[in-house]
Every structure is written in C-alpha cells, then in structure tokens.
PDB file of N, CA and C in Angstrom:
ATOM      1  N   LEU A   1      43.179 143.904  64.285  1.00  0.00           N
ATOM      2  CA  LEU A   1      42.977 144.930  64.852  1.00  0.00           C
ATOM      3  C   LEU A   1      43.193 144.748  66.355  1.00  0.00           C
ATOM      4  N   GLY A   2      43.721 144.027  67.529  1.00  0.00           N
ATOM      5  CA  GLY A   2      43.034 144.352  68.651  1.00  0.00           C
ATOM      6  C   GLY A   2      42.314 142.534  69.126  1.00  0.00           C
ATOM      7  N   GLN A   3      42.609 141.756  68.029  1.00  0.00           N
ATOM      8  CA  GLN A   3      42.117 140.401  68.554  1.00  0.00           C
ATOM      9  C   GLN A   3      42.684 139.566  68.973  1.00  0.00           C
ATOM     10  N   THR A   4      42.910 138.331  69.430  1.00  0.00           N
ATOM     11  CA  THR A   4      44.030 137.682  69.780  1.00  0.00           C
ATOM     12  C   THR A   4      43.241 136.213  68.878  1.00  0.00           C
ATOM     13  N   PHE A   5      44.750 135.641  68.065  1.00  0.00           N
ATOM     14  CA  PHE A   5      44.555 134.626  67.325  1.00  0.00           C
ATOM     15  C   PHE A   5      44.999 133.378  68.306  1.00  0.00           C
ATOM     16  N   LEU A   6      44.071 132.556  67.845  1.00  0.00           N
ATOM     17  CA  LEU A   6      44.801 131.445  68.259  1.00  0.00           C
ATOM     18  C   LEU A   6      44.264 130.189  67.483  1.00  0.00           C
ATOM     19  N   ASP A   7      45.070 129.261  67.229  1.00  0.00           N
ATOM     20  CA  ASP A   7      45.321 128.060  66.502  1.00  0.00           C
ATOM     21  C   ASP A   7      44.113 127.370  66.933  1.00  0.00           C
ATOM     22  N   PRO A   8      43.348 126.889  65.686  1.00  0.00           N
ATOM     23  CA  PRO A   8      41.972 126.566  66.226  1.00  0.00           C
ATOM     24  C   PRO A   8      41.887 124.699  66.254  1.00  0.00           C
ATOM     25  N   GLY A   9      43.150 124.656  65.360  1.00  0.00           N
ATOM     26  CA  GLY A   9      43.564 123.094  65.656  1.00  0.00           C
ATOM     27  C   GLY A   9      44.619 122.906  67.005  1.00  0.00           C
ATOM     28  N   LEU A  10      44.676 123.127  67.592  1.00  0.00           N
ATOM     29  CA  LEU A  10      45.299 122.788  69.014  1.00  0.00           C
ATOM     30  C   LEU A  10      44.966 121.891  69.738  1.00  0.00           C
ATOM     31  N   HIS A  11      44.080 122.452  70.075  1.00  0.00           N
ATOM     32  CA  HIS A  11      42.910 121.190  70.659  1.00  0.00           C
ATOM     33  C   HIS A  11      41.989 121.187  70.562  1.00  0.00           C
ATOM     34  N   PRO A  12      40.785 121.247  69.254  1.00  0.00           N
ATOM     35  CA  PRO A  12      39.858 121.004  68.802  1.00  0.00           C
ATOM     36  C   PRO A  12      38.786 120.213  69.965  1.00  0.00           C
ATOM     37  N   GLN A  13      39.235 119.145  70.158  1.00  0.00           N
ATOM     38  CA  GLN A  13      38.418 118.749  71.236  1.00  0.00           C
ATOM     39  C   GLN A  13      38.244 119.273  72.232  1.00  0.00           C
ATOM     40  N   ARG A  14      39.141 120.118  72.772  1.00  0.00           N
ATOM     41  CA  ARG A  14      38.792 120.649  74.297  1.00  0.00           C
ATOM     42  C   ARG A  14      38.377 121.894  74.035  1.00  0.00           C
ATOM     43  N   HIS A  15      38.403 123.003  72.952  1.00  0.00           N
ATOM     44  CA  HIS A  15      37.741 124.242  73.089  1.00  0.00           C
ATOM     45  C   HIS A  15      36.377 124.271  73.457  1.00  0.00           C
ATOM     46  N   THR A  16      35.977 125.172  73.967  1.00  0.00           N
ATOM     47  CA  THR A  16      34.856 125.175  74.695  1.00  0.00           C
ATOM     48  C   THR A  16      33.643 126.154  73.591  1.00  0.00           C
ATOM     49  N   GLY A  17      34.519 126.818  72.625  1.00  0.00           N
ATOM     50  CA  GLY A  17      33.610 127.419  71.895  1.00  0.00           C
ATOM     51  C   GLY A  17      33.596 129.110  72.344  1.00  0.00           C
ATOM     52  N   LYS A  18      33.306 129.353  73.724  1.00  0.00           N
ATOM     53  CA  LYS A  18      33.117 130.338  74.523  1.00  0.00           C
ATOM     54  C   LYS A  18      33.879 131.293  74.227  1.00  0.00           C
ATOM     55  N   PRO A  19      33.679 132.681  73.788  1.00  0.00           N
ATOM     56  CA  PRO A  19      34.968 133.829  73.719  1.00  0.00           C
ATOM     57  C   PRO A  19      35.582 134.273  74.963  1.00  0.00           C
ATOM     58  N   LEU A  20      36.538 134.756  74.990  1.00  0.00           N
ATOM     59  CA  LEU A  20      37.059 134.912  75.842  1.00  0.00           C
ATOM     60  C   LEU A  20      36.713 136.547  76.680  1.00  0.00           C
ATOM     61  N   SER A  21      36.493 136.806  77.641  1.00  0.00           N
ATOM     62  CA  SER A  21      36.434 137.926  78.277  1.00  0.00           C
ATOM     63  C   SER A  21      37.289 139.026  77.701  1.00  0.00           C
ATOM     64  N   PRO A  22      37.370 140.070  78.116  1.00  0.00           N
ATOM     65  CA  PRO A  22      37.977 141.235  78.017  1.00  0.00           C
ATOM     66  C   PRO A  22      39.318 141.460  78.906  1.00  0.00           C
ATOM     67  N   THR A  23      38.802 140.877  80.215  1.00  0.00           N
ATOM     68  CA  THR A  23      39.669 140.496  81.404  1.00  0.00           C
ATOM     69  C   THR A  23      40.433 139.200  80.892  1.00  0.00           C
ATOM     70  N   GLU A  24      39.836 137.818  80.403  1.00  0.00           N
ATOM     71  CA  GLU A  24      40.903 137.123  80.314  1.00  0.00           C
ATOM     72  C   GLU A  24      41.991 137.594  79.347  1.00  0.00           C
ATOM     73  N   VAL A  25      41.324 138.068  78.373  1.00  0.00           N
ATOM     74  CA  VAL A  25      42.329 138.277  76.936  1.00  0.00           C
ATOM     75  C   VAL A  25      43.375 139.040  77.710  1.00  0.00           C
ATOM     76  N   ASP A  26      43.162 140.208  78.891  1.00  0.00           N
ATOM     77  CA  ASP A  26      44.008 141.216  79.047  1.00  0.00           C
ATOM     78  C   ASP A  26      45.385 140.172  79.792  1.00  0.00           C
ATOM     79  N   ILE A  27      44.714 139.395  81.029  1.00  0.00           N
ATOM     80  CA  ILE A  27      45.378 138.267  81.877  1.00  0.00           C
ATOM     81  C   ILE A  27      46.349 137.763  80.966  1.00  0.00           C
ATOM     82  N   LEU A  28      46.123 136.869  79.881  1.00  0.00           N
ATOM     83  CA  LEU A  28      46.823 136.125  78.858  1.00  0.00           C
ATOM     84  C   LEU A  28      47.600 136.932  78.415  1.00  0.00           C
ATOM     85  N   ARG A  29      47.161 137.878  77.639  1.00  0.00           N
ATOM     86  CA  ARG A  29      48.259 138.966  77.103  1.00  0.00           C
ATOM     87  C   ARG A  29      49.654 139.119  77.871  1.00  0.00           C
ATOM     88  N   ARG A  30      49.671 139.379  79.127  1.00  0.00           N
ATOM     89  CA  ARG A  30      50.264 139.795  80.445  1.00  0.00           C
ATOM     90  C   ARG A  30      51.160 138.519  80.429  1.00  0.00           C
ATOM     91  N   LEU A  31      50.320 137.369  80.594  1.00  0.00           N
ATOM     92  CA  LEU A  31      51.039 136.067  81.153  1.00  0.00           C
ATOM     93  C   LEU A  31      52.288 135.758  79.790  1.00  0.00           C
ATOM     94  N   ALA A  32      51.510 135.780  78.822  1.00  0.00           N
ATOM     95  CA  ALA A  32      52.367 135.878  77.510  1.00  0.00           C
ATOM     96  C   ALA A  32      53.727 136.735  77.332  1.00  0.00           C
ATOM     97  N   ARG A  33      53.573 137.651  77.824  1.00  0.00           N
ATOM     98  CA  ARG A  33      54.425 138.850  78.010  1.00  0.00           C
ATOM     99  C   ARG A  33      55.621 138.498  78.835  1.00  0.00           C
ATOM    100  N   GLY A  34      55.412 137.828  79.736  1.00  0.00           N
ATOM    101  CA  GLY A  34      56.370 136.876  80.816  1.00  0.00           C
ATOM    102  C   GLY A  34      55.934 137.881  82.391  1.00  0.00           C
ATOM    103  N   ASP A  35      54.849 138.514  82.595  1.00  0.00           N
ATOM    104  CA  ASP A  35      54.273 138.999  83.493  1.00  0.00           C
ATOM    105  C   ASP A  35      53.748 138.106  84.594  1.00  0.00           C
ATOM    106  N   THR A  36      54.011 137.805  86.013  1.00  0.00           N
ATOM    107  CA  THR A  36      53.391 136.873  86.901  1.00  0.00           C
ATOM    108  C   THR A  36      52.382 136.974  87.296  1.00  0.00           C
ATOM    109  N   VAL A  37      51.309 136.044  87.978  1.00  0.00           N
ATOM    110  CA  VAL A  37      50.169 136.107  88.286  1.00  0.00           C
ATOM    111  C   VAL A  37      49.970 137.136  89.584  1.00  0.00           C
ATOM    112  N   SER A  38      51.241 137.302  90.327  1.00  0.00           N
ATOM    113  CA  SER A  38      51.538 138.131  91.528  1.00  0.00           C
ATOM    114  C   SER A  38      51.487 139.762  90.730  1.00  0.00           C
ATOM    115  N   GLU A  39      52.503 140.001  89.755  1.00  0.00           N
ATOM    116  CA  GLU A  39      52.529 141.216  89.268  1.00  0.00           C
ATOM    117  C   GLU A  39      51.297 141.530  88.389  1.00  0.00           C
ATOM    118  N   ILE A  40      50.281 140.601  87.933  1.00  0.00           N
ATOM    119  CA  ILE A  40      49.679 141.043  87.129  1.00  0.00           C
ATOM    120  C   ILE A  40      48.508 141.469  88.406  1.00  0.00           C
ATOM    121  N   ALA A  41      48.344 140.872  89.452  1.00  0.00           N
ATOM    122  CA  ALA A  41      47.546 140.915  90.291  1.00  0.00           C
ATOM    123  C   ALA A  41      47.399 142.571  90.966  1.00  0.00           C
ATOM    124  N   GLN A  42      48.899 142.831  91.156  1.00  0.00           N
ATOM    125  CA  GLN A  42      49.329 144.200  91.658  1.00  0.00           C
ATOM    126  C   GLN A  42      49.166 145.097  90.900  1.00  0.00           C
ATOM    127  N   ARG A  43      49.512 145.243  89.851  1.00  0.00           N
ATOM    128  CA  ARG A  43      49.090 145.967  88.686  1.00  0.00           C
ATOM    129  C   ARG A  43      47.916 146.656  88.076  1.00  0.00           C
ATOM    130  N   THR A  44      46.618 145.357  88.370  1.00  0.00           N
ATOM    131  CA  THR A  44      45.326 145.573  88.040  1.00  0.00           C
ATOM    132  C   THR A  44      44.816 145.730  89.214  1.00  0.00           C
ATOM    133  N   MET A  45      45.563 145.960  90.380  1.00  0.00           N
ATOM    134  CA  MET A  45      44.733 146.112  91.951  1.00  0.00           C
ATOM    135  C   MET A  45      44.013 144.916  92.315  1.00  0.00           C
ATOM    136  N   ARG A  46      44.057 143.720  91.695  1.00  0.00           N
ATOM    137  CA  ARG A  46      43.319 142.422  91.878  1.00  0.00           C
ATOM    138  C   ARG A  46      44.106 141.569  92.978  1.00  0.00           C
ATOM    139  N   SER A  47      43.217 140.573  93.398  1.00  0.00           N
ATOM    140  CA  SER A  47      44.516 139.551  93.905  1.00  0.00           C
ATOM    141  C   SER A  47      44.513 138.333  93.526  1.00  0.00           C
ATOM    142  N   VAL A  48      45.506 137.847  93.607  1.00  0.00           N
ATOM    143  CA  VAL A  48      46.377 136.747  92.801  1.00  0.00           C
ATOM    144  C   VAL A  48      45.154 135.575  93.105  1.00  0.00           C
ATOM    145  N   SER A  49      44.667 135.692  93.852  1.00  0.00           N
ATOM    146  CA  SER A  49      43.342 134.300  93.498  1.00  0.00           C
ATOM    147  C   SER A  49      41.946 134.747  92.099  1.00  0.00           C
ATOM    148  N   THR A  50      41.863 135.933  92.274  1.00  0.00           N
ATOM    149  CA  THR A  50      40.944 136.360  91.290  1.00  0.00           C
ATOM    150  C   THR A  50      41.920 136.211  89.583  1.00  0.00           C
ATOM    151  N   ILE A  51      43.499 136.693  89.976  1.00  0.00           N
ATOM    152  CA  ILE A  51      43.797 136.761  88.439  1.00  0.00           C
ATOM    153  C   ILE A  51      44.169 134.680  88.239  1.00  0.00           C
ATOM    154  N   SER A  52      43.936 134.104  88.976  1.00  0.00           N
ATOM    155  CA  SER A  52      44.455 132.858  88.748  1.00  0.00           C
ATOM    156  C   SER A  52      43.298 132.302  88.249  1.00  0.00           C
ATOM    157  N   THR A  53      41.841 132.257  88.748  1.00  0.00           N
ATOM    158  CA  THR A  53      40.520 132.199  88.573  1.00  0.00           C
ATOM    159  C   THR A  53      40.376 132.576  86.863  1.00  0.00           C
ATOM    160  N   HIS A  54      40.919 133.865  86.123  1.00  0.00           N
ATOM    161  CA  HIS A  54      40.669 134.434  85.185  1.00  0.00           C
ATOM    162  C   HIS A  54      41.253 133.516  84.203  1.00  0.00           C
ATOM    163  N   LYS A  55      42.787 133.291  85.012  1.00  0.00           N
ATOM    164  CA  LYS A  55      43.627 132.452  83.598  1.00  0.00           C
ATOM    165  C   LYS A  55      43.168 131.341  84.066  1.00  0.00           C
ATOM    166  N   LYS A  56      42.891 130.385  84.728  1.00  0.00           N
ATOM    167  CA  LYS A  56      42.199 128.931  84.635  1.00  0.00           C
ATOM    168  C   LYS A  56      40.702 128.830  83.605  1.00  0.00           C
ATOM    169  N   ASN A  57      40.260 130.018  83.784  1.00  0.00           N
ATOM    170  CA  ASN A  57      38.750 130.270  83.118  1.00  0.00           C
ATOM    171  C   ASN A  57      39.213 130.280  81.258  1.00  0.00           C
ATOM    172  N   ALA A  58      40.152 131.428  81.387  1.00  0.00           N
ATOM    173  CA  ALA A  58      40.651 131.164  79.952  1.00  0.00           C
ATOM    174  C   ALA A  58      41.000 130.090  79.096  1.00  0.00           C
ATOM    175  N   MET A  59      42.047 129.468  80.181  1.00  0.00           N
ATOM    176  CA  MET A  59      43.175 128.719  79.823  1.00  0.00           C
ATOM    177  C   MET A  59      41.662 127.293  79.295  1.00  0.00           C
ATOM    178  N   VAL A  60      41.159 127.021  80.068  1.00  0.00           N
ATOM    179  CA  VAL A  60      39.827 125.970  79.899  1.00  0.00           C
ATOM    180  C   VAL A  60      39.216 126.692  78.446  1.00  0.00           C
ATOM    181  N   LYS A  61      38.778 127.649  78.464  1.00  0.00           N
ATOM    182  CA  LYS A  61      37.628 128.258  77.167  1.00  0.00           C
ATOM    183  C   LYS A  61      38.813 127.831  75.754  1.00  0.00           C
ATOM    184  N   ILE A  62      39.967 127.733  75.781  1.00  0.00           N
ATOM    185  CA  ILE A  62      40.809 127.613  74.700  1.00  0.00           C
ATOM    186  C   ILE A  62      41.293 126.222  74.226  1.00  0.00           C
ATOM    187  N   GLY A  63      41.214 125.703  75.800  1.00  0.00           N
ATOM    188  CA  GLY A  63      41.802 123.894  75.561  1.00  0.00           C
ATOM    189  C   GLY A  63      42.866 123.893  76.228  1.00  0.00           C
ATOM    190  N   LEU A  64      43.444 124.846  76.775  1.00  0.00           N
ATOM    191  CA  LEU A  64      44.624 124.553  77.462  1.00  0.00           C
ATOM    192  C   LEU A  64      44.715 123.739  78.840  1.00  0.00           C
ATOM    193  N   ASN A  65      45.813 123.047  79.074  1.00  0.00           N
ATOM    194  CA  ASN A  65      45.834 122.615  80.132  1.00  0.00           C
ATOM    195  C   ASN A  65      47.110 122.772  81.257  1.00  0.00           C
ATOM    196  N   SER A  66      48.119 123.469  80.381  1.00  0.00           N
ATOM    197  CA  SER A  66      49.278 123.748  81.529  1.00  0.00           C
ATOM    198  C   SER A  66      49.987 125.301  80.706  1.00  0.00           C
ATOM    199  N   ASP A  67      50.537 125.858  81.710  1.00  0.00           N
ATOM    200  CA  ASP A  67      51.269 126.923  81.548  1.00  0.00           C
ATOM    201  C   ASP A  67      51.981 126.563  80.480  1.00  0.00           C
ATOM    202  N   ALA A  68      52.805 125.870  80.157  1.00  0.00           N
ATOM    203  CA  ALA A  68      53.779 125.307  79.301  1.00  0.00           C
ATOM    204  C   ALA A  68      53.227 125.096  77.636  1.00  0.00           C
ATOM    205  N   GLU A  69      51.676 125.058  77.727  1.00  0.00           N
ATOM    206  CA  GLU A  69      50.989 125.045  76.614  1.00  0.00           C
ATOM    207  C   GLU A  69      50.493 126.509  76.353  1.00  0.00           C
ATOM    208  N   LEU A  70      50.085 127.276  77.207  1.00  0.00           N
ATOM    209  CA  LEU A  70      49.899 128.473  77.151  1.00  0.00           C
ATOM    210  C   LEU A  70      51.089 129.370  76.296  1.00  0.00           C
ATOM    211  N   ILE A  71      52.511 128.844  76.849  1.00  0.00           N
ATOM    212  CA  ILE A  71      53.820 129.735  76.754  1.00  0.00           C
ATOM    213  C   ILE A  71      53.928 129.138  74.955  1.00  0.00           C
ATOM    214  N   ALA A  72      53.687 127.901  74.813  1.00  0.00           N
ATOM    215  CA  ALA A  72      53.653 127.588  73.392  1.00  0.00           C
ATOM    216  C   ALA A  72      52.676 128.101  72.184  1.00  0.00           C
ATOM    217  N   LEU A  73      51.319 128.435  73.062  1.00  0.00           N
ATOM    218  CA  LEU A  73      50.389 128.794  71.907  1.00  0.00           C
ATOM    219  C   LEU A  73      51.024 130.076  71.849  1.00  0.00           C
ATOM    220  N   GLY A  74      51.494 130.769  72.338  1.00  0.00           N
ATOM    221  CA  GLY A  74      52.358 132.263  71.829  1.00  0.00           C
ATOM    222  C   GLY A  74      50.935 133.488  72.118  1.00  0.00           C
ATOM    223  N   VAL A  75      50.675 133.419  73.129  1.00  0.00           N
ATOM    224  CA  VAL A  75      48.405 134.441  72.601  1.00  0.00           C
ATOM    225  C   VAL A  75      49.424 135.804  72.175  1.00  0.00           C
ATOM    226  N   MET A  76      48.973 136.176  70.843  1.00  0.00           N
ATOM    227  CA  MET A  76      49.164 137.239  70.121  1.00  0.00           C
ATOM    228  C   MET A  76      47.956 138.646  69.679  1.00  0.00           C
ATOM    229  N   ASN A  77      48.411 139.704  69.469  1.00  0.00           N
ATOM    230  CA  ASN A  77      47.829 140.541  69.366  1.00  0.00           C
ATOM    231  C   ASN A  77      46.855 139.977  68.070  1.00  0.00           C
TER     232      ASN A  77
END
C-alpha cells in the first residue's frame, strides 16, 4: 500500500540503490499520470527548475535515461 514498484531488472547496472524521496515519488507519479513538469510546478507551487531537478534525480536513482523509459516503466502505486 502506497509503495512504488519498479522492475529491479530494468537497468540493474545503473540503479543507484538510493531510495526515492517522497517528493521524487510524487513527481514521478504525476508524470506517469500525464502531468507535465510545468503543470506539476504550478500545482505544487514550485519552480519548473525545481521539479525538473527532482525528476532528473529520481530518474538517475532508478536507472532511467529518458522520458520514454519513464513512460515505459509505468511508475505505479
């Protein structure tokens, strides 16, 4: 309940093993739902730059290199 499930075999060589922060999980969930970085920034009252940084950091932690990989992964609850 309330966990993020990621395929551990996706890119094991690139996965950092560091846990995602609650903010990173929230942003990835919103992106997976189809929200844009700009929409997330507006809704969370943060800058586009801040949201982009959280997104980038989260993607590095889980071993993703592109938005296409993020969409394919389908971050789930």
